[in-house]
Amino acid sequence: MMPRRAYRRWRIDEDDALINFLRRGREMDRILICFGRSEGSIRSRIMHLYKKGAIQIEPAEGDEYV
């Protein structure tokens, strides 16, 4: 089954919510459910926010989205 928000553009409020989830140390499973997106989409957005300077989370070793 395809996630409900698959292929839709990220909204600013979703970026803000993702940043807050990451700061609180939420688990990926919880993030996937709340955002209705695939794990690849979430990881890609995390890298986008990291490269943009919006978050200071170091990518995991071997992360293909670096």
C-alpha atoms as a PDB file:
ATOM      1  CA  MET A   1       0.000   0.000   0.000  1.00  0.00           C
ATOM      2  CA  MET A   2       1.321   3.437  -0.938  1.00  0.00           C
ATOM      3  CA  PRO A   3       1.694   6.045   1.836  1.00  0.00           C
ATOM      4  CA  ARG A   4      -1.143   8.596   1.771  1.00  0.00           C
ATOM      5  CA  ARG A   5       1.125  11.614   1.086  1.00  0.00           C
ATOM      6  CA  ALA A   6       3.405   9.880  -1.421  1.00  0.00           C
ATOM      7  CA  TYR A   7       4.647  12.159  -4.221  1.00  0.00           C
ATOM      8  CA  ARG A   8       3.128  15.292  -2.698  1.00  0.00           C
ATOM      9  CA  ARG A   9       5.261  18.377  -2.095  1.00  0.00           C
ATOM     10  CA  TRP A  10       6.449  19.008   1.443  1.00  0.00           C
ATOM     11  CA  ARG A  11       4.716  21.931   3.140  1.00  0.00           C
ATOM     12  CA  ILE A  12       6.495  24.350   5.484  1.00  0.00           C
ATOM     13  CA  ASP A  13       4.399  23.162   8.434  1.00  0.00           C
ATOM     14  CA  GLU A  14       5.475  19.571   7.704  1.00  0.00           C
ATOM     15  CA  ASP A  15       9.137  20.630   7.718  1.00  0.00           C
ATOM     16  CA  ASP A  16       8.600  22.355  11.067  1.00  0.00           C
ATOM     17  CA  ALA A  17       6.848  19.293  12.479  1.00  0.00           C
ATOM     18  CA  LEU A  18       9.611  16.977  11.219  1.00  0.00           C
ATOM     19  CA  ILE A  19      12.258  19.178  12.831  1.00  0.00           C
ATOM     20  CA  ASN A  20      10.340  19.060  16.129  1.00  0.00           C
ATOM     21  CA  PHE A  21       9.978  15.278  15.922  1.00  0.00           C
ATOM     22  CA  LEU A  22      13.716  14.912  15.360  1.00  0.00           C
ATOM     23  CA  ARG A  23      14.575  17.224  18.267  1.00  0.00           C
ATOM     24  CA  ARG A  24      12.402  15.102  20.542  1.00  0.00           C
ATOM     25  CA  GLY A  25      14.101  11.928  19.354  1.00  0.00           C
ATOM     26  CA  ARG A  26      10.989  10.321  17.931  1.00  0.00           C
ATOM     27  CA  GLU A  27      11.337   6.896  16.392  1.00  0.00           C
ATOM     28  CA  MET A  28      11.176   6.509  12.608  1.00  0.00           C
ATOM     29  CA  ASP A  29       8.092   4.252  12.839  1.00  0.00           C
ATOM     30  CA  ARG A  30       6.178   7.016  14.593  1.00  0.00           C
ATOM     31  CA  ILE A  31       7.347   9.621  12.069  1.00  0.00           C
ATOM     32  CA  LEU A  32       6.235   7.421   9.146  1.00  0.00           C
ATOM     33  CA  ILE A  33       2.746   7.070  10.591  1.00  0.00           C
ATOM     34  CA  CYS A  34       2.334  10.755  11.396  1.00  0.00           C
ATOM     35  CA  PHE A  35       3.544  12.026   8.028  1.00  0.00           C
ATOM     36  CA  GLY A  36       2.054   9.342   5.803  1.00  0.00           C
ATOM     37  CA  ARG A  37       5.250   9.100   3.768  1.00  0.00           C
ATOM     38  CA  SER A  38       7.781   6.389   3.004  1.00  0.00           C
ATOM     39  CA  GLU A  39      10.997   5.994   4.978  1.00  0.00           C
ATOM     40  CA  GLY A  40      12.975   7.018   1.889  1.00  0.00           C
ATOM     41  CA  SER A  41      10.950  10.212   1.599  1.00  0.00           C
ATOM     42  CA  ILE A  42      11.514  11.058   5.267  1.00  0.00           C
ATOM     43  CA  ARG A  43      15.263  10.354   5.062  1.00  0.00           C
ATOM     44  CA  SER A  44      15.547  12.399   1.893  1.00  0.00           C
ATOM     45  CA  ARG A  45      13.767  15.332   3.544  1.00  0.00           C
ATOM     46  CA  ILE A  46      16.000  15.076   6.610  1.00  0.00           C
ATOM     47  CA  MET A  47      19.044  15.348   4.330  1.00  0.00           C
ATOM     48  CA  HIS A  48      17.466  18.296   2.514  1.00  0.00           C
ATOM     49  CA  LEU A  49      16.908  20.101   5.826  1.00  0.00           C
ATOM     50  CA  TYR A  50      20.423  19.206   6.987  1.00  0.00           C
ATOM     51  CA  LYS A  51      22.054  20.558   3.822  1.00  0.00           C
ATOM     52  CA  LYS A  52      19.900  23.692   4.053  1.00  0.00           C
ATOM     53  CA  GLY A  53      21.135  24.234   7.619  1.00  0.00           C
ATOM     54  CA  ALA A  54      17.690  23.885   9.186  1.00  0.00           C
ATOM     55  CA  ILE A  55      18.833  20.994  11.389  1.00  0.00           C
ATOM     56  CA  GLN A  56      22.168  19.978  12.822  1.00  0.00           C
ATOM     57  CA  ILE A  57      21.672  16.219  12.848  1.00  0.00           C
ATOM     58  CA  GLU A  58      24.611  14.274  11.493  1.00  0.00           C
ATOM     59  CA  PRO A  59      23.620  11.675   8.907  1.00  0.00           C
ATOM     60  CA  ALA A  60      23.977   8.057   9.920  1.00  0.00           C
ATOM     61  CA  GLU A  61      27.133   6.332   8.722  1.00  0.00           C
ATOM     62  CA  GLY A  62      26.533   4.778   5.330  1.00  0.00           C
ATOM     63  CA  ASP A  63      23.361   6.779   4.747  1.00  0.00           C
ATOM     64  CA  GLU A  64      22.782   6.782   1.008  1.00  0.00           C
ATOM     65  CA  TYR A  65      21.143  10.212   1.069  1.00  0.00           C
ATOM     66  CA  VAL A  66      24.306  12.095   2.046  1.00  0.00           C
END
